[in-house]
Amino acid sequence: MMICSALLPVCLCLITLLPANAQQQQEAGQGITKKGTLRQNNMPDSIPQAATEQDDIEQDNPDKPSLWEKIYIGGNFGLQLGTYTYIDISPLVGYRFTNRFSAGPGIAYRYLSIRNVGSNSIYGAKVFARYIVGKQFFIHTEYESLNTQLYERFAGRDRIVREWIPGFFVGGGISQPVGNRAAFMIYGLYNLLYDNVRSPYPSPWILSVGFTI
């Protein structure tokens, strides 16, 4: 009877502590479950959010055009055969500084021949600038220096010499796109430095047909 009376307080303490320990273990288990659920819920949500932020960055900062997309080639090419033979090969390379403004260098070669009269080879270089107005119209200007044959009188007789003749042209024209990059152009220019004696052109006005790629 004395032993039972002594063990009774110990049993009561154990009974009191067991629910507390079980409750703590249950709460700890719930805590682990909650933490695991939190990790599982956050990971899928973070992927779409990162993708959305990346899309926003790409929209705000679109890819810049490559160097090749800014460069184009073109020029004027002409051919006429017969009593009066005319060959024109004038390629150029342009660089698009903006969507509307471009500029670049070019070279020129022209061969003129009149049967029973004579022939002349004209060659040189030029630089040009072009500004697009609207969708198809453009303003064009260029400076060139051409080496051509000239006749001069020396010591009482005529002789042929070669000289560099400058030309400064201003004007404009119309461009007809062909595909994504190519365009067909017709434009008229006026030579502000025209010399009716030394110029290789028969008139200060020039009508040209060209293309760009």
N, C-alpha and C. Protein backbone atom coordinates (compact mmCIF):
# COMPACT_ATOMS: atom_id res chain seq x y z
N MET A 1 0.83 -1.20 0.00
CA MET A 1 0.00 0.00 0.00
C MET A 1 0.86 1.24 0.00
N MET A 2 1.93 1.23 0.66
CA MET A 2 2.84 2.37 0.70
C MET A 2 3.52 2.54 -0.64
N ILE A 3 3.84 1.40 -1.32
CA ILE A 3 4.52 1.48 -2.64
C ILE A 3 3.61 2.12 -3.65
N CYS A 4 2.32 1.69 -3.60
CA CYS A 4 1.34 2.28 -4.55
C CYS A 4 1.17 3.76 -4.32
N SER A 5 1.11 4.14 -3.04
CA SER A 5 0.98 5.57 -2.74
C SER A 5 2.17 6.35 -3.23
N ALA A 6 3.37 5.75 -3.23
CA ALA A 6 4.59 6.44 -3.68
C ALA A 6 4.64 6.57 -5.19
N LEU A 7 4.14 5.55 -5.92
CA LEU A 7 4.20 5.57 -7.39
C LEU A 7 3.10 6.42 -8.00
N LEU A 8 2.06 6.71 -7.25
CA LEU A 8 0.92 7.45 -7.80
C LEU A 8 1.32 8.85 -8.30
N PRO A 9 2.11 9.66 -7.60
CA PRO A 9 2.51 10.98 -8.14
C PRO A 9 3.32 10.88 -9.41
N VAL A 10 4.20 9.82 -9.49
CA VAL A 10 5.04 9.65 -10.70
C VAL A 10 4.18 9.36 -11.90
N CYS A 11 3.19 8.48 -11.76
CA CYS A 11 2.30 8.14 -12.87
C CYS A 11 1.51 9.35 -13.34
N LEU A 12 1.04 10.14 -12.38
CA LEU A 12 0.29 11.33 -12.74
C LEU A 12 1.14 12.30 -13.54
N CYS A 13 2.44 12.42 -13.18
CA CYS A 13 3.34 13.33 -13.93
C CYS A 13 3.54 12.84 -15.35
N LEU A 14 3.71 11.51 -15.49
CA LEU A 14 3.92 10.95 -16.82
C LEU A 14 2.70 11.15 -17.70
N ILE A 15 1.51 10.96 -17.12
CA ILE A 15 0.28 11.14 -17.89
C ILE A 15 0.13 12.59 -18.32
N THR A 16 0.53 13.50 -17.45
CA THR A 16 0.45 14.92 -17.77
C THR A 16 1.41 15.33 -18.88
N LEU A 17 2.62 14.74 -18.92
CA LEU A 17 3.65 15.10 -19.90
C LEU A 17 3.41 14.48 -21.27
N LEU A 18 2.78 13.30 -21.33
CA LEU A 18 2.63 12.60 -22.61
C LEU A 18 1.82 13.40 -23.61
N PRO A 19 0.67 13.97 -23.30
CA PRO A 19 -0.05 14.76 -24.30
C PRO A 19 0.73 15.97 -24.79
N ALA A 20 1.50 16.58 -23.91
CA ALA A 20 2.29 17.74 -24.33
C ALA A 20 3.33 17.34 -25.35
N ASN A 21 4.05 16.20 -25.09
CA ASN A 21 5.07 15.73 -26.03
C ASN A 21 4.46 15.35 -27.36
N ALA A 22 3.29 14.67 -27.29
CA ALA A 22 2.63 14.26 -28.54
C ALA A 22 2.19 15.48 -29.33
N GLN A 23 1.67 16.49 -28.59
CA GLN A 23 1.24 17.70 -29.28
C GLN A 23 2.41 18.43 -29.92
N GLN A 24 3.57 18.48 -29.21
CA GLN A 24 4.76 19.13 -29.77
C GLN A 24 5.25 18.40 -31.00
N GLN A 25 5.23 17.02 -30.92
CA GLN A 25 5.68 16.26 -32.09
C GLN A 25 4.75 16.49 -33.27
N GLN A 26 3.41 16.55 -32.97
CA GLN A 26 2.46 16.79 -34.04
C GLN A 26 2.66 18.16 -34.66
N GLU A 27 2.88 19.19 -33.77
CA GLU A 27 3.12 20.54 -34.30
C GLU A 27 4.42 20.60 -35.10
N ALA A 28 5.45 19.87 -34.60
CA ALA A 28 6.73 19.84 -35.33
C ALA A 28 6.52 19.20 -36.68
N GLY A 29 5.74 18.10 -36.70
CA GLY A 29 5.47 17.46 -37.99
C GLY A 29 4.71 18.37 -38.92
N GLN A 30 3.72 19.09 -38.35
CA GLN A 30 3.00 20.04 -39.18
C GLN A 30 3.91 21.14 -39.69
N GLY A 31 4.84 21.55 -38.84
CA GLY A 31 5.79 22.60 -39.25
C GLY A 31 6.63 22.13 -40.41
N ILE A 32 7.06 20.86 -40.34
CA ILE A 32 7.87 20.32 -41.44
C ILE A 32 7.05 20.25 -42.70
N THR A 33 5.79 19.81 -42.52
CA THR A 33 4.91 19.72 -43.68
C THR A 33 4.67 21.08 -44.28
N LYS A 34 4.45 22.10 -43.40
CA LYS A 34 4.23 23.45 -43.90
C LYS A 34 5.45 23.97 -44.62
N LYS A 35 6.64 23.71 -44.07
CA LYS A 35 7.86 24.17 -44.73
C LYS A 35 8.02 23.50 -46.08
N GLY A 36 7.74 22.16 -46.10
CA GLY A 36 7.83 21.46 -47.38
C GLY A 36 6.84 21.99 -48.38
N THR A 37 5.61 22.28 -47.94
CA THR A 37 4.60 22.83 -48.84
C THR A 37 5.02 24.19 -49.35
N LEU A 38 5.66 24.99 -48.49
CA LEU A 38 6.12 26.31 -48.88
C LEU A 38 7.16 26.23 -49.99
N ARG A 39 8.08 25.28 -49.85
CA ARG A 39 9.11 25.13 -50.87
C ARG A 39 8.50 24.67 -52.18
N GLN A 40 7.57 23.76 -52.11
CA GLN A 40 6.95 23.25 -53.32
C GLN A 40 6.10 24.31 -54.01
N ASN A 41 5.45 25.17 -53.20
CA ASN A 41 4.62 26.20 -53.81
C ASN A 41 5.46 27.33 -54.40
N ASN A 42 6.60 27.65 -53.78
CA ASN A 42 7.41 28.76 -54.25
C ASN A 42 8.18 28.43 -55.51
N MET A 43 8.66 27.20 -55.64
CA MET A 43 9.51 26.87 -56.78
C MET A 43 8.78 26.97 -58.11
N PRO A 44 7.56 26.42 -58.24
CA PRO A 44 6.89 26.59 -59.53
C PRO A 44 6.53 28.03 -59.83
N ASP A 45 6.17 28.80 -58.76
CA ASP A 45 5.79 30.18 -58.99
C ASP A 45 6.97 31.02 -59.44
N SER A 46 8.18 30.69 -58.98
CA SER A 46 9.34 31.51 -59.30
C SER A 46 9.72 31.37 -60.77
N ILE A 47 9.46 30.25 -61.41
CA ILE A 47 9.86 30.04 -62.81
C ILE A 47 9.07 30.93 -63.76
N PRO A 48 7.72 30.93 -63.67
CA PRO A 48 6.98 31.85 -64.54
C PRO A 48 7.31 33.31 -64.28
N GLN A 49 7.56 33.67 -63.04
CA GLN A 49 7.88 35.05 -62.72
C GLN A 49 9.20 35.46 -63.38
N ALA A 50 10.21 34.57 -63.32
CA ALA A 50 11.49 34.88 -63.96
C ALA A 50 11.34 34.98 -65.46
N ALA A 51 10.53 34.08 -66.04
CA ALA A 51 10.31 34.13 -67.48
C ALA A 51 9.61 35.41 -67.89
N THR A 52 8.63 35.84 -67.07
CA THR A 52 7.92 37.09 -67.37
C THR A 52 8.87 38.27 -67.31
N GLU A 53 9.73 38.31 -66.30
CA GLU A 53 10.69 39.41 -66.19
C GLU A 53 11.64 39.40 -67.38
N GLN A 54 12.07 38.22 -67.83
CA GLN A 54 12.96 38.12 -68.97
C GLN A 54 12.28 38.62 -70.24
N ASP A 55 10.99 38.27 -70.40
CA ASP A 55 10.25 38.75 -71.56
C ASP A 55 10.14 40.27 -71.56
N ASP A 56 9.91 40.85 -70.37
CA ASP A 56 9.83 42.30 -70.28
C ASP A 56 11.15 42.95 -70.67
N ILE A 57 12.27 42.34 -70.25
CA ILE A 57 13.58 42.88 -70.59
C ILE A 57 13.80 42.83 -72.10
N GLU A 58 13.40 41.70 -72.73
CA GLU A 58 13.60 41.58 -74.16
C GLU A 58 12.73 42.56 -74.93
N GLN A 59 11.51 42.85 -74.41
CA GLN A 59 10.67 43.81 -75.08
C GLN A 59 11.20 45.22 -74.92
N ASP A 60 11.73 45.53 -73.74
CA ASP A 60 12.27 46.87 -73.51
C ASP A 60 13.57 47.09 -74.25
N ASN A 61 14.38 46.02 -74.44
CA ASN A 61 15.68 46.13 -75.09
C ASN A 61 15.72 45.16 -76.27
N PRO A 62 15.07 45.49 -77.39
CA PRO A 62 15.10 44.59 -78.54
C PRO A 62 16.50 44.47 -79.11
N ASP A 63 16.76 43.38 -79.81
CA ASP A 63 18.07 43.15 -80.40
C ASP A 63 18.37 44.24 -81.43
N LYS A 64 19.58 44.77 -81.38
CA LYS A 64 19.99 45.78 -82.33
C LYS A 64 20.32 45.12 -83.67
N PRO A 65 20.11 45.85 -84.79
CA PRO A 65 20.44 45.27 -86.09
C PRO A 65 21.92 44.95 -86.17
N SER A 66 22.24 43.87 -86.86
CA SER A 66 23.63 43.49 -87.05
C SER A 66 24.30 44.43 -88.05
N LEU A 67 25.63 44.31 -88.12
CA LEU A 67 26.38 45.16 -89.05
C LEU A 67 25.95 44.91 -90.48
N TRP A 68 25.71 43.66 -90.83
CA TRP A 68 25.29 43.33 -92.19
C TRP A 68 23.93 43.94 -92.51
N GLU A 69 23.03 43.99 -91.53
CA GLU A 69 21.72 44.57 -91.76
C GLU A 69 21.79 46.08 -91.98
N LYS A 70 22.85 46.73 -91.48
CA LYS A 70 23.00 48.17 -91.66
C LYS A 70 23.71 48.53 -92.96
N ILE A 71 24.39 47.57 -93.57
CA ILE A 71 25.15 47.82 -94.79
C ILE A 71 24.35 47.36 -96.00
N TYR A 72 24.39 48.15 -97.05
CA TYR A 72 23.77 47.74 -98.31
C TYR A 72 24.69 48.13 -99.46
N ILE A 73 24.54 47.43 -100.56
CA ILE A 73 25.31 47.72 -101.77
C ILE A 73 24.35 48.07 -102.88
N GLY A 74 24.85 48.80 -103.87
CA GLY A 74 24.01 49.21 -104.98
C GLY A 74 24.82 49.98 -105.98
N GLY A 75 24.15 50.86 -106.72
CA GLY A 75 24.84 51.67 -107.69
C GLY A 75 24.08 51.82 -108.99
N ASN A 76 24.77 52.33 -109.98
CA ASN A 76 24.21 52.55 -111.31
C ASN A 76 24.97 51.71 -112.33
N PHE A 77 24.25 51.09 -113.21
CA PHE A 77 24.86 50.29 -114.26
C PHE A 77 24.11 50.56 -115.56
N GLY A 78 24.87 50.88 -116.61
CA GLY A 78 24.25 51.18 -117.90
C GLY A 78 25.07 50.59 -119.03
N LEU A 79 24.38 50.30 -120.14
CA LEU A 79 25.04 49.71 -121.30
C LEU A 79 24.31 50.13 -122.57
N GLN A 80 25.06 50.66 -123.51
CA GLN A 80 24.53 50.98 -124.83
C GLN A 80 25.61 50.68 -125.86
N LEU A 81 25.25 49.92 -126.87
CA LEU A 81 26.20 49.50 -127.89
C LEU A 81 25.73 49.99 -129.25
N GLY A 82 26.70 50.24 -130.13
CA GLY A 82 26.37 50.71 -131.48
C GLY A 82 27.34 51.80 -131.91
N THR A 83 26.84 52.69 -132.75
CA THR A 83 27.67 53.81 -133.19
C THR A 83 28.15 54.63 -131.99
N TYR A 84 27.25 54.80 -131.04
CA TYR A 84 27.60 55.46 -129.78
C TYR A 84 27.58 54.40 -128.69
N THR A 85 28.74 54.08 -128.16
CA THR A 85 28.86 53.05 -127.12
C THR A 85 29.05 53.72 -125.77
N TYR A 86 28.23 53.26 -124.83
CA TYR A 86 28.28 53.83 -123.48
C TYR A 86 28.20 52.70 -122.47
N ILE A 87 29.16 52.63 -121.56
CA ILE A 87 29.19 51.62 -120.50
C ILE A 87 29.38 52.34 -119.18
N ASP A 88 28.51 52.08 -118.24
CA ASP A 88 28.57 52.74 -116.92
C ASP A 88 28.56 51.67 -115.84
N ILE A 89 29.60 51.64 -115.02
CA ILE A 89 29.68 50.72 -113.87
C ILE A 89 30.05 51.57 -112.66
N SER A 90 29.07 51.84 -111.81
CA SER A 90 29.28 52.73 -110.66
C SER A 90 28.70 52.11 -109.39
N PRO A 91 29.40 51.17 -108.77
CA PRO A 91 28.91 50.56 -107.53
C PRO A 91 29.15 51.46 -106.33
N LEU A 92 28.36 51.24 -105.28
CA LEU A 92 28.53 51.98 -104.04
C LEU A 92 28.19 51.08 -102.85
N VAL A 93 28.65 51.51 -101.67
CA VAL A 93 28.37 50.82 -100.42
C VAL A 93 27.82 51.84 -99.43
N GLY A 94 26.64 51.55 -98.89
CA GLY A 94 26.01 52.47 -97.96
C GLY A 94 25.90 51.89 -96.56
N TYR A 95 25.90 52.77 -95.59
CA TYR A 95 25.74 52.37 -94.19
C TYR A 95 24.55 53.12 -93.61
N ARG A 96 23.59 52.39 -93.04
CA ARG A 96 22.40 53.00 -92.45
C ARG A 96 22.69 53.47 -91.02
N PHE A 97 22.93 54.76 -90.86
CA PHE A 97 23.15 55.32 -89.53
C PHE A 97 21.85 55.34 -88.75
N THR A 98 20.75 55.60 -89.42
CA THR A 98 19.41 55.52 -88.83
C THR A 98 18.51 54.82 -89.85
N ASN A 99 17.24 54.69 -89.51
CA ASN A 99 16.30 54.08 -90.45
C ASN A 99 16.09 54.94 -91.69
N ARG A 100 16.39 56.23 -91.60
CA ARG A 100 16.16 57.14 -92.73
C ARG A 100 17.43 57.67 -93.37
N PHE A 101 18.51 57.77 -92.60
CA PHE A 101 19.73 58.39 -93.13
C PHE A 101 20.81 57.35 -93.38
N SER A 102 21.43 57.42 -94.56
CA SER A 102 22.53 56.53 -94.90
C SER A 102 23.55 57.29 -95.72
N ALA A 103 24.77 56.79 -95.73
CA ALA A 103 25.87 57.43 -96.47
C ALA A 103 26.95 56.40 -96.72
N GLY A 104 27.84 56.74 -97.65
CA GLY A 104 28.93 55.80 -97.93
C GLY A 104 29.73 56.20 -99.16
N PRO A 105 30.74 55.40 -99.51
CA PRO A 105 31.60 55.68 -100.66
C PRO A 105 31.14 54.91 -101.90
N GLY A 106 31.73 55.28 -103.01
CA GLY A 106 31.46 54.58 -104.26
C GLY A 106 32.56 54.85 -105.26
N ILE A 107 32.59 54.06 -106.33
CA ILE A 107 33.55 54.26 -107.42
C ILE A 107 32.76 54.36 -108.72
N ALA A 108 33.38 54.92 -109.73
CA ALA A 108 32.71 55.12 -111.00
C ALA A 108 33.66 54.79 -112.15
N TYR A 109 33.11 54.13 -113.14
CA TYR A 109 33.84 53.89 -114.39
C TYR A 109 32.86 54.02 -115.56
N ARG A 110 33.21 54.85 -116.52
CA ARG A 110 32.40 55.04 -117.71
C ARG A 110 33.30 54.98 -118.95
N TYR A 111 32.77 54.31 -119.93
CA TYR A 111 33.49 54.22 -121.20
C TYR A 111 32.60 54.78 -122.30
N LEU A 112 33.11 55.77 -123.02
CA LEU A 112 32.38 56.41 -124.11
C LEU A 112 33.16 56.21 -125.40
N SER A 113 32.42 55.86 -126.45
CA SER A 113 33.07 55.67 -127.75
C SER A 113 32.10 56.07 -128.85
N ILE A 114 32.57 56.89 -129.78
CA ILE A 114 31.80 57.29 -130.95
C ILE A 114 32.58 56.82 -132.18
N ARG A 115 31.94 56.03 -132.98
CA ARG A 115 32.61 55.44 -134.13
C ARG A 115 33.17 56.54 -135.05
N ASN A 116 34.40 56.34 -135.46
CA ASN A 116 35.13 57.25 -136.36
C ASN A 116 35.45 58.60 -135.72
N VAL A 117 35.23 58.70 -134.41
CA VAL A 117 35.55 59.95 -133.72
C VAL A 117 36.60 59.72 -132.63
N GLY A 118 36.33 58.80 -131.72
CA GLY A 118 37.27 58.52 -130.65
C GLY A 118 36.57 57.91 -129.44
N SER A 119 37.34 57.67 -128.40
CA SER A 119 36.80 57.06 -127.18
C SER A 119 37.40 57.75 -125.96
N ASN A 120 36.77 57.52 -124.83
CA ASN A 120 37.22 58.14 -123.59
C ASN A 120 36.86 57.23 -122.43
N SER A 121 37.81 56.95 -121.57
CA SER A 121 37.59 56.19 -120.33
C SER A 121 37.58 57.17 -119.17
N ILE A 122 36.52 57.14 -118.40
CA ILE A 122 36.34 58.04 -117.27
C ILE A 122 36.27 57.20 -116.00
N TYR A 123 37.04 57.57 -114.98
CA TYR A 123 37.03 56.82 -113.72
C TYR A 123 37.23 57.77 -112.56
N GLY A 124 36.80 57.33 -111.39
CA GLY A 124 36.95 58.18 -110.21
C GLY A 124 36.26 57.59 -109.00
N ALA A 125 36.03 58.44 -108.01
CA ALA A 125 35.42 58.02 -106.75
C ALA A 125 34.43 59.07 -106.29
N LYS A 126 33.56 58.67 -105.35
CA LYS A 126 32.55 59.58 -104.85
C LYS A 126 32.14 59.18 -103.44
N VAL A 127 31.48 60.12 -102.77
CA VAL A 127 30.82 59.86 -101.48
C VAL A 127 29.41 60.41 -101.60
N PHE A 128 28.46 59.75 -100.96
CA PHE A 128 27.07 60.16 -101.09
C PHE A 128 26.38 60.15 -99.74
N ALA A 129 25.24 60.82 -99.67
CA ALA A 129 24.38 60.81 -98.50
C ALA A 129 22.94 60.79 -99.00
N ARG A 130 22.09 60.04 -98.28
CA ARG A 130 20.70 59.87 -98.71
C ARG A 130 19.79 59.89 -97.49
N TYR A 131 18.69 60.62 -97.62
CA TYR A 131 17.72 60.72 -96.53
C TYR A 131 16.34 60.38 -97.06
N ILE A 132 15.68 59.42 -96.43
CA ILE A 132 14.37 58.96 -96.87
C ILE A 132 13.29 59.89 -96.33
N VAL A 133 12.41 60.33 -97.21
CA VAL A 133 11.29 61.19 -96.85
C VAL A 133 10.00 60.43 -97.16
N GLY A 134 9.21 60.16 -96.14
CA GLY A 134 8.02 59.35 -96.36
C GLY A 134 8.40 57.89 -96.54
N LYS A 135 7.64 57.18 -97.34
CA LYS A 135 7.87 55.74 -97.53
C LYS A 135 8.76 55.45 -98.73
N GLN A 136 8.61 56.22 -99.83
CA GLN A 136 9.31 55.89 -101.06
C GLN A 136 10.19 57.00 -101.59
N PHE A 137 10.03 58.23 -101.13
CA PHE A 137 10.80 59.35 -101.65
C PHE A 137 12.07 59.55 -100.82
N PHE A 138 13.10 60.07 -101.46
CA PHE A 138 14.35 60.32 -100.75
C PHE A 138 15.06 61.53 -101.35
N ILE A 139 15.90 62.15 -100.52
CA ILE A 139 16.77 63.24 -100.93
C ILE A 139 18.18 62.69 -101.07
N HIS A 140 18.86 63.05 -102.14
CA HIS A 140 20.17 62.47 -102.43
C HIS A 140 21.16 63.58 -102.77
N THR A 141 22.37 63.45 -102.25
CA THR A 141 23.46 64.35 -102.59
C THR A 141 24.75 63.56 -102.65
N GLU A 142 25.66 63.97 -103.51
CA GLU A 142 26.94 63.28 -103.63
C GLU A 142 28.01 64.21 -104.20
N TYR A 143 29.22 63.89 -103.82
CA TYR A 143 30.38 64.61 -104.35
C TYR A 143 31.28 63.59 -105.04
N GLU A 144 31.74 63.91 -106.23
CA GLU A 144 32.59 62.99 -106.97
C GLU A 144 33.75 63.73 -107.62
N SER A 145 34.77 62.97 -107.94
CA SER A 145 35.90 63.50 -108.69
C SER A 145 36.24 62.48 -109.77
N LEU A 146 36.14 62.91 -111.03
CA LEU A 146 36.32 62.01 -112.16
C LEU A 146 37.55 62.42 -112.97
N ASN A 147 38.29 61.42 -113.40
CA ASN A 147 39.44 61.65 -114.26
C ASN A 147 39.01 61.38 -115.71
N THR A 148 39.14 62.37 -116.57
CA THR A 148 38.66 62.26 -117.93
C THR A 148 39.64 62.90 -118.90
N GLN A 149 39.47 62.60 -120.16
CA GLN A 149 40.31 63.19 -121.21
C GLN A 149 39.79 64.57 -121.58
N LEU A 150 40.73 65.47 -121.82
CA LEU A 150 40.39 66.82 -122.27
C LEU A 150 41.31 67.19 -123.43
N TYR A 151 40.76 67.96 -124.33
CA TYR A 151 41.56 68.47 -125.44
C TYR A 151 41.99 69.89 -125.12
N GLU A 152 43.26 70.16 -125.33
CA GLU A 152 43.76 71.53 -125.13
C GLU A 152 44.76 71.88 -126.22
N ARG A 153 44.86 73.15 -126.49
CA ARG A 153 45.79 73.61 -127.52
C ARG A 153 47.11 74.00 -126.87
N PHE A 154 48.17 73.38 -127.39
CA PHE A 154 49.50 73.65 -126.83
C PHE A 154 50.47 73.81 -128.00
N ALA A 155 51.16 74.94 -128.02
CA ALA A 155 52.15 75.25 -129.06
C ALA A 155 51.51 75.18 -130.44
N GLY A 156 50.30 75.70 -130.54
CA GLY A 156 49.64 75.79 -131.83
C GLY A 156 48.98 74.52 -132.30
N ARG A 157 48.92 73.51 -131.48
CA ARG A 157 48.25 72.28 -131.91
C ARG A 157 47.51 71.67 -130.71
N ASP A 158 46.50 70.84 -131.05
CA ASP A 158 45.68 70.20 -130.02
C ASP A 158 46.36 68.95 -129.48
N ARG A 159 46.16 68.75 -128.20
CA ARG A 159 46.67 67.52 -127.58
C ARG A 159 45.68 67.04 -126.53
N ILE A 160 45.78 65.76 -126.18
CA ILE A 160 44.87 65.15 -125.19
C ILE A 160 45.59 65.08 -123.84
N VAL A 161 44.93 65.58 -122.82
CA VAL A 161 45.45 65.51 -121.45
C VAL A 161 44.35 64.90 -120.57
N ARG A 162 44.74 64.46 -119.39
CA ARG A 162 43.77 63.92 -118.43
C ARG A 162 43.77 64.83 -117.19
N GLU A 163 42.56 65.11 -116.71
CA GLU A 163 42.40 65.97 -115.54
C GLU A 163 41.29 65.41 -114.65
N TRP A 164 41.38 65.80 -113.37
CA TRP A 164 40.33 65.45 -112.41
C TRP A 164 39.31 66.57 -112.37
N ILE A 165 38.06 66.21 -112.61
CA ILE A 165 36.98 67.18 -112.66
C ILE A 165 36.04 66.91 -111.50
N PRO A 166 35.81 67.90 -110.62
CA PRO A 166 34.89 67.69 -109.48
C PRO A 166 33.43 67.88 -109.90
N GLY A 167 32.56 67.29 -109.11
CA GLY A 167 31.13 67.48 -109.32
C GLY A 167 30.39 67.34 -107.99
N PHE A 168 29.43 68.23 -107.77
CA PHE A 168 28.64 68.17 -106.55
C PHE A 168 27.17 68.16 -106.96
N PHE A 169 26.47 67.07 -106.63
CA PHE A 169 25.12 66.84 -107.12
C PHE A 169 24.12 66.89 -105.96
N VAL A 170 22.98 67.47 -106.23
CA VAL A 170 21.87 67.48 -105.27
C VAL A 170 20.60 67.13 -106.03
N GLY A 171 19.69 66.48 -105.34
CA GLY A 171 18.44 66.10 -105.98
C GLY A 171 17.67 65.11 -105.14
N GLY A 172 16.88 64.30 -105.78
CA GLY A 172 16.07 63.31 -105.08
C GLY A 172 15.43 62.37 -106.07
N GLY A 173 14.66 61.44 -105.52
CA GLY A 173 14.03 60.46 -106.38
C GLY A 173 13.03 59.61 -105.63
N ILE A 174 12.67 58.51 -106.25
CA ILE A 174 11.69 57.59 -105.70
C ILE A 174 12.27 56.19 -105.68
N SER A 175 11.94 55.45 -104.63
CA SER A 175 12.46 54.10 -104.45
C SER A 175 11.30 53.12 -104.39
N GLN A 176 11.42 52.03 -105.13
CA GLN A 176 10.40 50.99 -105.12
C GLN A 176 10.98 49.73 -104.50
N PRO A 177 10.54 49.35 -103.28
CA PRO A 177 11.09 48.16 -102.64
C PRO A 177 10.79 46.89 -103.45
N VAL A 178 11.77 45.98 -103.42
CA VAL A 178 11.63 44.67 -104.04
C VAL A 178 12.09 43.64 -103.02
N GLY A 179 11.16 43.02 -102.30
CA GLY A 179 11.52 42.10 -101.23
C GLY A 179 11.85 42.84 -99.95
N ASN A 180 12.62 42.17 -99.08
CA ASN A 180 12.94 42.74 -97.77
C ASN A 180 14.07 43.75 -97.82
N ARG A 181 15.08 43.55 -98.69
CA ARG A 181 16.25 44.41 -98.69
C ARG A 181 16.41 45.19 -99.98
N ALA A 182 16.07 44.61 -101.11
CA ALA A 182 16.35 45.23 -102.40
C ALA A 182 15.37 46.35 -102.70
N ALA A 183 15.81 47.29 -103.54
CA ALA A 183 14.97 48.40 -103.96
C ALA A 183 15.45 48.89 -105.32
N PHE A 184 14.50 49.32 -106.14
CA PHE A 184 14.78 49.89 -107.46
C PHE A 184 14.52 51.38 -107.38
N MET A 185 15.47 52.20 -107.90
CA MET A 185 15.39 53.64 -107.71
C MET A 185 15.52 54.38 -109.04
N ILE A 186 14.81 55.50 -109.11
CA ILE A 186 14.95 56.47 -110.21
C ILE A 186 15.09 57.85 -109.56
N TYR A 187 16.13 58.58 -109.93
CA TYR A 187 16.33 59.89 -109.31
C TYR A 187 17.02 60.84 -110.27
N GLY A 188 16.77 62.12 -110.06
CA GLY A 188 17.38 63.17 -110.85
C GLY A 188 18.27 64.05 -109.99
N LEU A 189 19.43 64.43 -110.54
CA LEU A 189 20.41 65.23 -109.81
C LEU A 189 20.84 66.43 -110.64
N TYR A 190 21.23 67.48 -109.93
CA TYR A 190 21.74 68.68 -110.59
C TYR A 190 23.16 68.94 -110.11
N ASN A 191 24.08 69.17 -111.05
CA ASN A 191 25.49 69.38 -110.74
C ASN A 191 25.75 70.86 -110.48
N LEU A 192 26.01 71.19 -109.21
CA LEU A 192 26.26 72.58 -108.85
C LEU A 192 27.62 73.07 -109.33
N LEU A 193 28.54 72.16 -109.66
CA LEU A 193 29.88 72.54 -110.11
C LEU A 193 30.05 72.29 -111.61
N TYR A 194 28.96 72.31 -112.34
CA TYR A 194 29.03 71.97 -113.76
C TYR A 194 29.85 72.97 -114.55
N ASP A 195 30.74 72.44 -115.40
CA ASP A 195 31.57 73.25 -116.30
C ASP A 195 31.29 72.75 -117.72
N ASN A 196 30.68 73.59 -118.52
CA ASN A 196 30.28 73.14 -119.85
C ASN A 196 31.45 72.88 -120.79
N VAL A 197 32.66 73.25 -120.38
CA VAL A 197 33.84 72.99 -121.20
C VAL A 197 34.59 71.74 -120.74
N ARG A 198 34.73 71.57 -119.45
CA ARG A 198 35.56 70.49 -118.93
C ARG A 198 34.77 69.32 -118.37
N SER A 199 33.51 69.49 -118.10
CA SER A 199 32.73 68.42 -117.47
C SER A 199 32.53 67.24 -118.42
N PRO A 200 32.61 66.02 -117.90
CA PRO A 200 32.34 64.84 -118.74
C PRO A 200 30.86 64.62 -119.02
N TYR A 201 29.99 65.42 -118.38
CA TYR A 201 28.55 65.30 -118.59
C TYR A 201 28.09 66.33 -119.63
N PRO A 202 27.15 65.94 -120.48
CA PRO A 202 26.67 66.88 -121.49
C PRO A 202 25.75 67.95 -120.94
N SER A 203 25.25 67.76 -119.69
CA SER A 203 24.31 68.71 -119.10
C SER A 203 24.47 68.69 -117.58
N PRO A 204 24.11 69.78 -116.89
CA PRO A 204 24.17 69.75 -115.42
C PRO A 204 23.10 68.85 -114.81
N TRP A 205 22.06 68.53 -115.58
CA TRP A 205 21.01 67.63 -115.10
C TRP A 205 21.34 66.19 -115.47
N ILE A 206 21.16 65.29 -114.49
CA ILE A 206 21.44 63.88 -114.71
C ILE A 206 20.25 63.06 -114.22
N LEU A 207 19.78 62.16 -115.05
CA LEU A 207 18.74 61.22 -114.67
C LEU A 207 19.38 59.85 -114.52
N SER A 208 19.28 59.27 -113.33
CA SER A 208 19.94 58.02 -113.04
C SER A 208 18.94 56.94 -112.64
N VAL A 209 19.27 55.72 -112.95
CA VAL A 209 18.51 54.54 -112.54
C VAL A 209 19.46 53.63 -111.78
N GLY A 210 19.06 53.20 -110.59
CA GLY A 210 19.94 52.35 -109.78
C GLY A 210 19.16 51.39 -108.93
N PHE A 211 19.90 50.69 -108.07
CA PHE A 211 19.28 49.71 -107.18
C PHE A 211 20.12 49.59 -105.92
N THR A 212 19.54 49.02 -104.90
CA THR A 212 20.25 48.68 -103.66
C THR A 212 19.84 47.28 -103.23
N ILE A 213 20.76 46.61 -102.55
CA ILE A 213 20.51 45.26 -102.02
C ILE A 213 20.93 45.24 -100.55
